[in-house]
Amino acid sequence: MNQSTTRMLNRVKAVYLFIRDNGPVSTSQIAEEFGITDRTVQRDLNVLEHNGLVVSPNRGRWRITEKKVKIS
């Protein structure tokens, strides 16, 4: 795996953990916490949402789902 892919996966994992520990949270809160753009946050959230790990039942407010995940 190349370095940029590893960095992205580590960030996505960190975003998931942030939502789990602080959710529901807004896209802007995530961007501020990690010092990244709203667009980058949206890409990361798309990965998490595609895998059934987060949802946004209230537009722009994200929370984790009940799906079990093993974090290493």
N, C-alpha and C. Protein backbone atom coordinates (compact mmCIF):
# COMPACT_ATOMS: atom_id res chain seq x y z
N MET A 1 0.85 -1.17 0.00
CA MET A 1 0.00 0.00 0.00
C MET A 1 0.90 1.24 0.00
N ASN A 2 0.54 2.23 -0.84
CA ASN A 2 1.39 3.40 -0.87
C ASN A 2 1.11 4.32 0.31
N GLN A 3 2.01 5.27 0.51
CA GLN A 3 1.96 6.14 1.69
C GLN A 3 0.69 6.99 1.76
N SER A 4 0.23 7.51 0.62
CA SER A 4 -0.96 8.36 0.65
C SER A 4 -2.21 7.54 0.98
N THR A 5 -2.27 6.29 0.51
CA THR A 5 -3.40 5.42 0.84
C THR A 5 -3.41 5.11 2.33
N THR A 6 -2.24 4.79 2.87
CA THR A 6 -2.13 4.51 4.30
C THR A 6 -2.55 5.73 5.12
N ARG A 7 -2.12 6.90 4.72
CA ARG A 7 -2.46 8.14 5.42
C ARG A 7 -3.98 8.37 5.39
N MET A 8 -4.59 8.14 4.22
CA MET A 8 -6.03 8.33 4.08
C MET A 8 -6.79 7.33 4.96
N LEU A 9 -6.38 6.07 4.95
CA LEU A 9 -7.06 5.06 5.77
C LEU A 9 -6.92 5.36 7.26
N ASN A 10 -5.77 5.84 7.68
CA ASN A 10 -5.59 6.23 9.08
C ASN A 10 -6.49 7.40 9.45
N ARG A 11 -6.66 8.35 8.52
CA ARG A 11 -7.52 9.51 8.78
C ARG A 11 -8.98 9.07 8.85
N VAL A 12 -9.41 8.19 7.93
CA VAL A 12 -10.78 7.70 7.94
C VAL A 12 -11.07 6.98 9.26
N LYS A 13 -10.13 6.18 9.72
CA LYS A 13 -10.29 5.49 11.01
C LYS A 13 -10.41 6.51 12.14
N ALA A 14 -9.57 7.53 12.12
CA ALA A 14 -9.61 8.57 13.16
C ALA A 14 -10.94 9.33 13.12
N VAL A 15 -11.45 9.59 11.93
CA VAL A 15 -12.74 10.27 11.79
C VAL A 15 -13.84 9.40 12.38
N TYR A 16 -13.82 8.11 12.09
CA TYR A 16 -14.82 7.19 12.64
C TYR A 16 -14.77 7.22 14.17
N LEU A 17 -13.57 7.14 14.74
CA LEU A 17 -13.43 7.15 16.19
C LEU A 17 -13.90 8.47 16.79
N PHE A 18 -13.63 9.57 16.10
CA PHE A 18 -14.08 10.88 16.57
C PHE A 18 -15.61 10.94 16.60
N ILE A 19 -16.25 10.44 15.55
CA ILE A 19 -17.71 10.43 15.51
C ILE A 19 -18.25 9.51 16.61
N ARG A 20 -17.64 8.35 16.76
CA ARG A 20 -18.08 7.41 17.81
C ARG A 20 -18.02 8.06 19.20
N ASP A 21 -16.95 8.77 19.46
CA ASP A 21 -16.74 9.34 20.79
C ASP A 21 -17.47 10.66 21.02
N ASN A 22 -17.81 11.38 19.95
CA ASN A 22 -18.38 12.73 20.10
C ASN A 22 -19.70 12.94 19.39
N GLY A 23 -20.18 11.94 18.67
CA GLY A 23 -21.32 12.12 17.79
C GLY A 23 -22.63 12.37 18.49
N PRO A 24 -23.60 12.87 17.78
CA PRO A 24 -23.48 13.28 16.37
C PRO A 24 -22.67 14.57 16.23
N VAL A 25 -21.91 14.63 15.16
CA VAL A 25 -21.05 15.78 14.88
C VAL A 25 -21.29 16.27 13.45
N SER A 26 -20.97 17.53 13.22
CA SER A 26 -21.13 18.11 11.89
C SER A 26 -19.86 17.92 11.07
N THR A 27 -20.02 18.05 9.78
CA THR A 27 -18.87 17.99 8.87
C THR A 27 -17.84 19.06 9.26
N SER A 28 -18.31 20.25 9.61
CA SER A 28 -17.41 21.34 9.99
C SER A 28 -16.64 21.02 11.26
N GLN A 29 -17.29 20.37 12.22
CA GLN A 29 -16.59 19.99 13.45
C GLN A 29 -15.46 19.00 13.15
N ILE A 30 -15.73 18.07 12.26
CA ILE A 30 -14.70 17.10 11.87
C ILE A 30 -13.54 17.81 11.18
N ALA A 31 -13.87 18.69 10.25
CA ALA A 31 -12.83 19.43 9.52
C ALA A 31 -11.95 20.22 10.48
N GLU A 32 -12.58 20.87 11.45
CA GLU A 32 -11.83 21.67 12.42
C GLU A 32 -10.96 20.78 13.30
N GLU A 33 -11.49 19.66 13.75
CA GLU A 33 -10.75 18.75 14.62
C GLU A 33 -9.48 18.22 13.94
N PHE A 34 -9.57 17.92 12.65
CA PHE A 34 -8.45 17.30 11.95
C PHE A 34 -7.65 18.27 11.07
N GLY A 35 -8.09 19.53 11.01
CA GLY A 35 -7.37 20.51 10.20
C GLY A 35 -7.40 20.18 8.72
N ILE A 36 -8.55 19.69 8.24
CA ILE A 36 -8.70 19.35 6.83
C ILE A 36 -9.91 20.09 6.26
N THR A 37 -10.02 20.09 4.95
CA THR A 37 -11.13 20.81 4.31
C THR A 37 -12.43 20.04 4.43
N ASP A 38 -13.54 20.76 4.28
CA ASP A 38 -14.85 20.11 4.28
C ASP A 38 -14.94 19.07 3.17
N ARG A 39 -14.32 19.34 2.04
CA ARG A 39 -14.35 18.40 0.91
C ARG A 39 -13.63 17.10 1.26
N THR A 40 -12.50 17.20 1.95
CA THR A 40 -11.77 16.00 2.37
C THR A 40 -12.60 15.21 3.38
N VAL A 41 -13.23 15.92 4.30
CA VAL A 41 -14.11 15.26 5.27
C VAL A 41 -15.22 14.52 4.53
N GLN A 42 -15.82 15.15 3.54
CA GLN A 42 -16.91 14.53 2.81
C GLN A 42 -16.45 13.25 2.11
N ARG A 43 -15.25 13.27 1.53
CA ARG A 43 -14.72 12.05 0.90
C ARG A 43 -14.56 10.93 1.94
N ASP A 44 -14.01 11.29 3.11
CA ASP A 44 -13.83 10.30 4.17
C ASP A 44 -15.18 9.76 4.65
N LEU A 45 -16.15 10.64 4.81
CA LEU A 45 -17.48 10.21 5.25
C LEU A 45 -18.15 9.33 4.21
N ASN A 46 -17.91 9.60 2.94
CA ASN A 46 -18.45 8.76 1.87
C ASN A 46 -17.94 7.33 1.99
N VAL A 47 -16.65 7.17 2.33
CA VAL A 47 -16.07 5.83 2.52
C VAL A 47 -16.76 5.15 3.69
N LEU A 48 -16.91 5.86 4.80
CA LEU A 48 -17.54 5.29 5.99
C LEU A 48 -19.01 4.96 5.74
N GLU A 49 -19.70 5.86 5.05
CA GLU A 49 -21.12 5.64 4.76
C GLU A 49 -21.31 4.46 3.81
N HIS A 50 -20.47 4.38 2.79
CA HIS A 50 -20.54 3.28 1.82
C HIS A 50 -20.38 1.92 2.52
N ASN A 51 -19.58 1.90 3.57
CA ASN A 51 -19.35 0.66 4.32
C ASN A 51 -20.33 0.46 5.47
N GLY A 52 -21.34 1.33 5.54
CA GLY A 52 -22.38 1.16 6.55
C GLY A 52 -21.98 1.50 7.97
N LEU A 53 -20.93 2.32 8.12
CA LEU A 53 -20.42 2.63 9.46
C LEU A 53 -20.94 3.94 10.03
N VAL A 54 -21.36 4.87 9.18
CA VAL A 54 -21.92 6.14 9.65
C VAL A 54 -23.16 6.49 8.84
N VAL A 55 -24.02 7.30 9.45
CA VAL A 55 -25.20 7.82 8.77
C VAL A 55 -25.39 9.27 9.16
N SER A 56 -26.14 9.96 8.32
CA SER A 56 -26.47 11.36 8.60
C SER A 56 -27.98 11.52 8.50
N PRO A 57 -28.71 11.09 9.57
CA PRO A 57 -30.16 11.20 9.53
C PRO A 57 -30.65 12.65 9.52
N ASN A 58 -29.89 13.53 10.14
CA ASN A 58 -30.18 14.96 10.11
C ASN A 58 -29.09 15.60 9.28
N ARG A 59 -29.46 16.17 8.19
CA ARG A 59 -28.52 16.70 7.21
C ARG A 59 -27.29 17.35 7.86
N GLY A 60 -26.13 16.78 7.58
CA GLY A 60 -24.88 17.33 8.05
C GLY A 60 -24.48 16.95 9.47
N ARG A 61 -25.28 16.14 10.15
CA ARG A 61 -24.96 15.67 11.49
C ARG A 61 -24.71 14.17 11.40
N TRP A 62 -23.51 13.74 11.71
CA TRP A 62 -23.10 12.36 11.50
C TRP A 62 -23.03 11.59 12.82
N ARG A 63 -23.44 10.32 12.75
CA ARG A 63 -23.32 9.42 13.89
C ARG A 63 -22.96 8.04 13.36
N ILE A 64 -22.43 7.19 14.24
CA ILE A 64 -22.09 5.83 13.81
C ILE A 64 -23.35 4.99 13.77
N THR A 65 -23.26 3.88 13.06
CA THR A 65 -24.38 2.93 12.99
C THR A 65 -24.16 1.85 14.04
N GLU A 66 -25.08 0.91 14.07
CA GLU A 66 -24.98 -0.22 14.99
C GLU A 66 -24.05 -1.32 14.47
N LYS A 67 -23.58 -1.16 13.24
CA LYS A 67 -22.72 -2.18 12.63
C LYS A 67 -21.47 -2.37 13.48
N LYS A 68 -21.17 -3.61 13.78
CA LYS A 68 -19.99 -3.93 14.58
C LYS A 68 -18.74 -3.79 13.73
N VAL A 69 -17.72 -3.20 14.31
CA VAL A 69 -16.46 -3.01 13.60
C VAL A 69 -15.31 -3.34 14.54
N LYS A 70 -14.33 -4.05 14.01
CA LYS A 70 -13.14 -4.38 14.79
C LYS A 70 -12.05 -3.39 14.42
N ILE A 71 -11.59 -2.64 15.41
CA ILE A 71 -10.59 -1.60 15.15
C ILE A 71 -9.25 -2.08 15.69
N SER A 72 -8.28 -2.12 14.80
CA SER A 72 -6.95 -2.58 15.22
C SER A 72 -5.96 -1.44 15.21
